[in-house]
PDB file of N, CA and C in Angstrom:
ATOM      1  N   MET A   1     -30.502   4.300 -56.815  1.00  0.00           N
ATOM      2  CA  MET A   1     -30.158   5.181 -56.083  1.00  0.00           C
ATOM      3  C   MET A   1     -30.355   4.761 -54.718  1.00  0.00           C
ATOM      4  N   ASP A   2     -31.663   3.358 -54.785  1.00  0.00           N
ATOM      5  CA  ASP A   2     -31.710   3.030 -53.109  1.00  0.00           C
ATOM      6  C   ASP A   2     -30.907   1.914 -52.960  1.00  0.00           C
ATOM      7  N   TRP A   3     -30.137   1.303 -53.912  1.00  0.00           N
ATOM      8  CA  TRP A   3     -28.474   0.348 -53.598  1.00  0.00           C
ATOM      9  C   TRP A   3     -27.541   1.248 -52.728  1.00  0.00           C
ATOM     10  N   LEU A   4     -27.285   2.515 -52.800  1.00  0.00           N
ATOM     11  CA  LEU A   4     -26.432   3.083 -52.404  1.00  0.00           C
ATOM     12  C   LEU A   4     -26.744   3.512 -51.480  1.00  0.00           C
ATOM     13  N   ALA A   5     -28.634   3.757 -50.740  1.00  0.00           N
ATOM     14  CA  ALA A   5     -28.611   4.352 -49.650  1.00  0.00           C
ATOM     15  C   ALA A   5     -28.806   3.290 -48.616  1.00  0.00           C
ATOM     16  N   GLY A   6     -28.620   1.581 -49.421  1.00  0.00           N
ATOM     17  CA  GLY A   6     -28.731   1.298 -48.257  1.00  0.00           C
ATOM     18  C   GLY A   6     -27.210   0.528 -47.971  1.00  0.00           C
ATOM     19  N   ALA A   7     -26.089   0.633 -49.219  1.00  0.00           N
ATOM     20  CA  ALA A   7     -25.170   0.406 -48.644  1.00  0.00           C
ATOM     21  C   ALA A   7     -24.337   1.404 -47.826  1.00  0.00           C
ATOM     22  N   ILE A   8     -24.417   2.944 -47.603  1.00  0.00           N
ATOM     23  CA  ILE A   8     -24.750   3.872 -46.523  1.00  0.00           C
ATOM     24  C   ILE A   8     -24.937   3.641 -45.719  1.00  0.00           C
ATOM     25  N   GLU A   9     -26.438   2.983 -45.582  1.00  0.00           N
ATOM     26  CA  GLU A   9     -26.632   2.881 -43.964  1.00  0.00           C
ATOM     27  C   GLU A   9     -26.106   1.282 -43.723  1.00  0.00           C
ATOM     28  N   ILE A  10     -25.599   0.503 -44.071  1.00  0.00           N
ATOM     29  CA  ILE A  10     -24.778  -0.507 -43.768  1.00  0.00           C
ATOM     30  C   ILE A  10     -23.313   0.068 -43.330  1.00  0.00           C
ATOM     31  N   TRP A  11     -23.219   0.383 -43.872  1.00  0.00           N
ATOM     32  CA  TRP A  11     -21.823   1.198 -43.671  1.00  0.00           C
ATOM     33  C   TRP A  11     -21.786   1.869 -42.673  1.00  0.00           C
ATOM     34  N   ALA A  12     -22.862   2.829 -41.975  1.00  0.00           N
ATOM     35  CA  ALA A  12     -23.419   3.335 -40.879  1.00  0.00           C
ATOM     36  C   ALA A  12     -23.335   2.305 -39.633  1.00  0.00           C
ATOM     37  N   GLY A  13     -23.856   1.339 -39.598  1.00  0.00           N
ATOM     38  CA  GLY A  13     -24.063   0.341 -38.783  1.00  0.00           C
ATOM     39  C   GLY A  13     -22.859  -0.570 -38.098  1.00  0.00           C
ATOM     40  N   PHE A  14     -21.595  -0.352 -39.628  1.00  0.00           N
ATOM     41  CA  PHE A  14     -20.739  -0.699 -39.370  1.00  0.00           C
ATOM     42  C   PHE A  14     -19.723  -0.010 -38.508  1.00  0.00           C
ATOM     43  N   LEU A  15     -19.888   1.210 -38.642  1.00  0.00           N
ATOM     44  CA  LEU A  15     -19.514   2.352 -38.044  1.00  0.00           C
ATOM     45  C   LEU A  15     -19.647   2.251 -36.769  1.00  0.00           C
ATOM     46  N   LEU A  16     -21.198   2.429 -36.005  1.00  0.00           N
ATOM     47  CA  LEU A  16     -21.355   2.456 -35.219  1.00  0.00           C
ATOM     48  C   LEU A  16     -21.135   1.148 -34.082  1.00  0.00           C
ATOM     49  N   GLY A  17     -20.730   0.125 -34.804  1.00  0.00           N
ATOM     50  CA  GLY A  17     -20.679  -1.085 -33.749  1.00  0.00           C
ATOM     51  C   GLY A  17     -18.928  -0.289 -32.965  1.00  0.00           C
ATOM     52  N   TYR A  18     -18.282   0.417 -33.967  1.00  0.00           N
ATOM     53  CA  TYR A  18     -16.827   0.569 -33.758  1.00  0.00           C
ATOM     54  C   TYR A  18     -17.243   2.089 -32.962  1.00  0.00           C
ATOM     55  N   LYS A  19     -17.998   2.743 -32.296  1.00  0.00           N
ATOM     56  CA  LYS A  19     -18.578   3.750 -31.393  1.00  0.00           C
ATOM     57  C   LYS A  19     -17.805   5.335 -32.483  1.00  0.00           C
ATOM     58  N   TYR A  20     -18.132   5.107 -33.319  1.00  0.00           N
ATOM     59  CA  TYR A  20     -17.782   6.189 -34.266  1.00  0.00           C
ATOM     60  C   TYR A  20     -19.096   7.322 -34.832  1.00  0.00           C
ATOM     61  N   LYS A  21     -18.857   8.618 -33.971  1.00  0.00           N
ATOM     62  CA  LYS A  21     -19.909   9.266 -34.092  1.00  0.00           C
ATOM     63  C   LYS A  21     -20.605   9.703 -35.685  1.00  0.00           C
ATOM     64  N   SER A  22     -19.637   9.660 -36.252  1.00  0.00           N
ATOM     65  CA  SER A  22     -19.152   9.591 -37.595  1.00  0.00           C
ATOM     66  C   SER A  22     -20.878   9.065 -38.542  1.00  0.00           C
ATOM     67  N   ALA A  23     -20.717   7.707 -37.565  1.00  0.00           N
ATOM     68  CA  ALA A  23     -21.914   7.051 -37.946  1.00  0.00           C
ATOM     69  C   ALA A  23     -23.593   7.293 -38.033  1.00  0.00           C
ATOM     70  N   PHE A  24     -23.263   8.314 -37.151  1.00  0.00           N
ATOM     71  CA  PHE A  24     -24.972   9.214 -37.588  1.00  0.00           C
ATOM     72  C   PHE A  24     -25.233  10.191 -38.792  1.00  0.00           C
ATOM     73  N   LEU A  25     -23.747  10.633 -39.313  1.00  0.00           N
ATOM     74  CA  LEU A  25     -23.818  11.257 -40.428  1.00  0.00           C
ATOM     75  C   LEU A  25     -24.012  10.540 -41.443  1.00  0.00           C
ATOM     76  N   PHE A  26     -23.630   9.158 -41.318  1.00  0.00           N
ATOM     77  CA  PHE A  26     -24.015   8.499 -42.542  1.00  0.00           C
ATOM     78  C   PHE A  26     -25.321   7.957 -42.725  1.00  0.00           C
ATOM     79  N   ASN A  27     -25.727   8.063 -41.415  1.00  0.00           N
ATOM     80  CA  ASN A  27     -27.319   7.390 -41.091  1.00  0.00           C
ATOM     81  C   ASN A  27     -27.861   8.660 -41.846  1.00  0.00           C
ATOM     82  N   ILE A  28     -27.959   9.446 -41.719  1.00  0.00           N
ATOM     83  CA  ILE A  28     -28.422  11.038 -42.459  1.00  0.00           C
ATOM     84  C   ILE A  28     -28.166  11.043 -43.886  1.00  0.00           C
ATOM     85  N   ILE A  29     -27.312  10.954 -44.171  1.00  0.00           N
ATOM     86  CA  ILE A  29     -27.114  11.249 -45.650  1.00  0.00           C
ATOM     87  C   ILE A  29     -27.741   9.857 -46.444  1.00  0.00           C
ATOM     88  N   GLY A  30     -28.136   8.691 -45.864  1.00  0.00           N
ATOM     89  CA  GLY A  30     -28.623   7.576 -46.111  1.00  0.00           C
ATOM     90  C   GLY A  30     -30.019   7.718 -46.270  1.00  0.00           C
ATOM     91  N   ALA A  31     -30.480   8.192 -44.732  1.00  0.00           N
ATOM     92  CA  ALA A  31     -32.009   9.019 -44.870  1.00  0.00           C
ATOM     93  C   ALA A  31     -32.710  10.053 -46.040  1.00  0.00           C
ATOM     94  N   PHE A  32     -31.657  10.465 -46.003  1.00  0.00           N
ATOM     95  CA  PHE A  32     -31.853  11.883 -47.390  1.00  0.00           C
ATOM     96  C   PHE A  32     -31.888  11.010 -48.847  1.00  0.00           C
ATOM     97  N   LEU A  33     -30.678   9.990 -48.921  1.00  0.00           N
ATOM     98  CA  LEU A  33     -31.562   8.851 -49.895  1.00  0.00           C
ATOM     99  C   LEU A  33     -32.595   8.656 -50.139  1.00  0.00           C
ATOM    100  N   TRP A  34     -32.872   7.694 -48.712  1.00  0.00           N
ATOM    101  CA  TRP A  34     -34.136   6.962 -49.130  1.00  0.00           C
ATOM    102  C   TRP A  34     -35.511   7.815 -49.542  1.00  0.00           C
ATOM    103  N   ILE A  35     -35.258   9.166 -48.507  1.00  0.00           N
ATOM    104  CA  ILE A  35     -36.139  10.321 -48.871  1.00  0.00           C
ATOM    105  C   ILE A  35     -36.236  10.589 -50.586  1.00  0.00           C
ATOM    106  N   TYR A  36     -35.594  10.836 -50.980  1.00  0.00           N
ATOM    107  CA  TYR A  36     -35.283  10.984 -52.282  1.00  0.00           C
ATOM    108  C   TYR A  36     -36.042   9.648 -53.318  1.00  0.00           C
ATOM    109  N   VAL A  37     -34.993   8.210 -52.714  1.00  0.00           N
ATOM    110  CA  VAL A  37     -35.716   6.736 -53.824  1.00  0.00           C
ATOM    111  C   VAL A  37     -37.633   7.402 -53.660  1.00  0.00           C
ATOM    112  N   ALA A  38     -37.824   7.403 -52.132  1.00  0.00           N
ATOM    113  CA  ALA A  38     -39.509   7.484 -51.954  1.00  0.00           C
ATOM    114  C   ALA A  38     -40.198   8.309 -52.753  1.00  0.00           C
ATOM    115  N   ILE A  39     -39.462   9.699 -52.961  1.00  0.00           N
ATOM    116  CA  ILE A  39     -40.160  10.731 -54.043  1.00  0.00           C
ATOM    117  C   ILE A  39     -40.158  10.008 -55.337  1.00  0.00           C
ATOM    118  N   THR A  40     -38.441   9.733 -56.040  1.00  0.00           N
ATOM    119  CA  THR A  40     -38.849   9.505 -57.365  1.00  0.00           C
ATOM    120  C   THR A  40     -39.482   7.931 -57.730  1.00  0.00           C
ATOM    121  N   MET A  41     -39.870   7.203 -56.744  1.00  0.00           N
ATOM    122  CA  MET A  41     -40.022   6.033 -56.766  1.00  0.00           C
ATOM    123  C   MET A  41     -41.821   6.001 -56.068  1.00  0.00           C
ATOM    124  N   GLU A  42     -42.489   6.739 -55.896  1.00  0.00           N
ATOM    125  CA  GLU A  42     -43.633   7.088 -55.518  1.00  0.00           C
ATOM    126  C   GLU A  42     -44.033   5.915 -54.776  1.00  0.00           C
ATOM    127  N   VAL A  43     -43.239   5.781 -53.458  1.00  0.00           N
ATOM    128  CA  VAL A  43     -43.506   4.879 -52.355  1.00  0.00           C
ATOM    129  C   VAL A  43     -43.473   5.593 -50.835  1.00  0.00           C
ATOM    130  N   TYR A  44     -43.748   6.288 -50.755  1.00  0.00           N
ATOM    131  CA  TYR A  44     -44.688   7.278 -49.632  1.00  0.00           C
ATOM    132  C   TYR A  44     -44.489   7.245 -48.348  1.00  0.00           C
ATOM    133  N   GLY A  45     -44.941   5.953 -48.403  1.00  0.00           N
ATOM    134  CA  GLY A  45     -45.132   4.909 -46.999  1.00  0.00           C
ATOM    135  C   GLY A  45     -43.633   5.039 -46.389  1.00  0.00           C
ATOM    136  N   LEU A  46     -42.155   5.043 -47.221  1.00  0.00           N
ATOM    137  CA  LEU A  46     -41.243   4.753 -46.716  1.00  0.00           C
ATOM    138  C   LEU A  46     -40.780   6.224 -46.526  1.00  0.00           C
ATOM    139  N   MET A  47     -41.236   7.366 -46.719  1.00  0.00           N
ATOM    140  CA  MET A  47     -40.863   8.265 -45.735  1.00  0.00           C
ATOM    141  C   MET A  47     -41.196   8.537 -44.438  1.00  0.00           C
ATOM    142  N   LEU A  48     -42.510   7.771 -44.011  1.00  0.00           N
ATOM    143  CA  LEU A  48     -42.764   7.261 -42.544  1.00  0.00           C
ATOM    144  C   LEU A  48     -41.160   6.917 -41.852  1.00  0.00           C
ATOM    145  N   VAL A  49     -40.478   6.085 -42.269  1.00  0.00           N
ATOM    146  CA  VAL A  49     -39.305   6.362 -41.682  1.00  0.00           C
ATOM    147  C   VAL A  49     -38.198   7.002 -41.896  1.00  0.00           C
ATOM    148  N   ALA A  50     -38.361   7.117 -42.778  1.00  0.00           N
ATOM    149  CA  ALA A  50     -36.684   7.976 -43.467  1.00  0.00           C
ATOM    150  C   ALA A  50     -36.781   9.527 -42.590  1.00  0.00           C
ATOM    151  N   ILE A  51     -38.184  10.147 -42.727  1.00  0.00           N
ATOM    152  CA  ILE A  51     -37.962  11.167 -42.093  1.00  0.00           C
ATOM    153  C   ILE A  51     -37.657  11.340 -40.733  1.00  0.00           C
ATOM    154  N   PRO A  52     -38.170  10.556 -39.825  1.00  0.00           N
ATOM    155  CA  PRO A  52     -38.021  10.373 -38.397  1.00  0.00           C
ATOM    156  C   PRO A  52     -36.433   9.900 -37.896  1.00  0.00           C
ATOM    157  N   MET A  53     -35.848   9.703 -39.165  1.00  0.00           N
ATOM    158  CA  MET A  53     -34.188   9.131 -38.922  1.00  0.00           C
ATOM    159  C   MET A  53     -33.488   9.936 -39.131  1.00  0.00           C
ATOM    160  N   VAL A  54     -33.619  11.593 -40.008  1.00  0.00           N
ATOM    161  CA  VAL A  54     -32.888  11.916 -39.897  1.00  0.00           C
ATOM    162  C   VAL A  54     -32.912  13.019 -38.848  1.00  0.00           C
ATOM    163  N   THR A  55     -34.182  13.058 -38.040  1.00  0.00           N
ATOM    164  CA  THR A  55     -34.457  14.004 -37.033  1.00  0.00           C
ATOM    165  C   THR A  55     -33.615  13.094 -36.092  1.00  0.00           C
ATOM    166  N   ILE A  56     -33.986  11.688 -35.644  1.00  0.00           N
ATOM    167  CA  ILE A  56     -33.118  10.417 -34.590  1.00  0.00           C
ATOM    168  C   ILE A  56     -31.699  10.609 -34.572  1.00  0.00           C
ATOM    169  N   ASN A  57     -31.104  10.621 -35.809  1.00  0.00           N
ATOM    170  CA  ASN A  57     -29.609  10.514 -36.205  1.00  0.00           C
ATOM    171  C   ASN A  57     -28.861  11.758 -35.750  1.00  0.00           C
ATOM    172  N   ALA A  58     -29.883  13.291 -35.976  1.00  0.00           N
ATOM    173  CA  ALA A  58     -29.353  14.262 -35.903  1.00  0.00           C
ATOM    174  C   ALA A  58     -29.358  14.564 -33.937  1.00  0.00           C
ATOM    175  N   LYS A  59     -30.293  13.889 -33.484  1.00  0.00           N
ATOM    176  CA  LYS A  59     -30.254  14.022 -32.058  1.00  0.00           C
ATOM    177  C   LYS A  59     -29.274  13.185 -31.539  1.00  0.00           C
ATOM    178  N   ASN A  60     -29.280  12.137 -31.935  1.00  0.00           N
ATOM    179  CA  ASN A  60     -27.456  11.439 -31.545  1.00  0.00           C
ATOM    180  C   ASN A  60     -26.579  12.006 -31.835  1.00  0.00           C
ATOM    181  N   TYR A  61     -26.233  12.737 -32.934  1.00  0.00           N
ATOM    182  CA  TYR A  61     -24.950  13.307 -33.087  1.00  0.00           C
ATOM    183  C   TYR A  61     -24.795  13.823 -31.980  1.00  0.00           C
ATOM    184  N   TRP A  62     -25.699  14.860 -31.994  1.00  0.00           N
ATOM    185  CA  TRP A  62     -25.443  16.036 -30.853  1.00  0.00           C
ATOM    186  C   TRP A  62     -25.307  15.242 -29.939  1.00  0.00           C
ATOM    187  N   MET A  63     -25.645  14.543 -29.231  1.00  0.00           N
ATOM    188  CA  MET A  63     -25.866  14.049 -27.966  1.00  0.00           C
ATOM    189  C   MET A  63     -24.469  13.659 -27.664  1.00  0.00           C
ATOM    190  N   TRP A  64     -23.853  12.853 -28.911  1.00  0.00           N
ATOM    191  CA  TRP A  64     -22.359  12.353 -28.589  1.00  0.00           C
ATOM    192  C   TRP A  64     -21.228  13.517 -28.779  1.00  0.00           C
ATOM    193  N   TRP A  65     -21.933  14.037 -29.541  1.00  0.00           N
ATOM    194  CA  TRP A  65     -20.951  15.651 -29.692  1.00  0.00           C
ATOM    195  C   TRP A  65     -20.587  16.414 -28.673  1.00  0.00           C
ATOM    196  N   LYS A  66     -21.869  16.528 -27.777  1.00  0.00           N
ATOM    197  CA  LYS A  66     -21.645  17.510 -26.460  1.00  0.00           C
ATOM    198  C   LYS A  66     -21.386  16.977 -25.508  1.00  0.00           C
ATOM    199  N   ASP A  67     -20.949  15.480 -25.447  1.00  0.00           N
ATOM    200  CA  ASP A  67     -20.575  14.460 -24.127  1.00  0.00           C
ATOM    201  C   ASP A  67     -18.724  14.783 -24.362  1.00  0.00           C
ATOM    202  N   GLU A  68     -18.082  15.055 -26.060  1.00  0.00           N
ATOM    203  CA  GLU A  68     -17.042  14.859 -25.914  1.00  0.00           C
ATOM    204  C   GLU A  68     -16.330  16.191 -25.247  1.00  0.00           C
TER     205      GLU A  68
END
């Protein structure tokens, strides 16, 4: 599952470079996958990054959406 989360995060970075707002949604999906990985592999420190990323990407998606 960790390879899938990483691949989604890379794809999101690629989309963000081309200014697709869907990149934020892919980042949110990737962050939820990282949370799953952190829980199943008991690497709880990873959640210190993944949980705030869900919030940050949701906020950024909202900011781009309301500007359109």
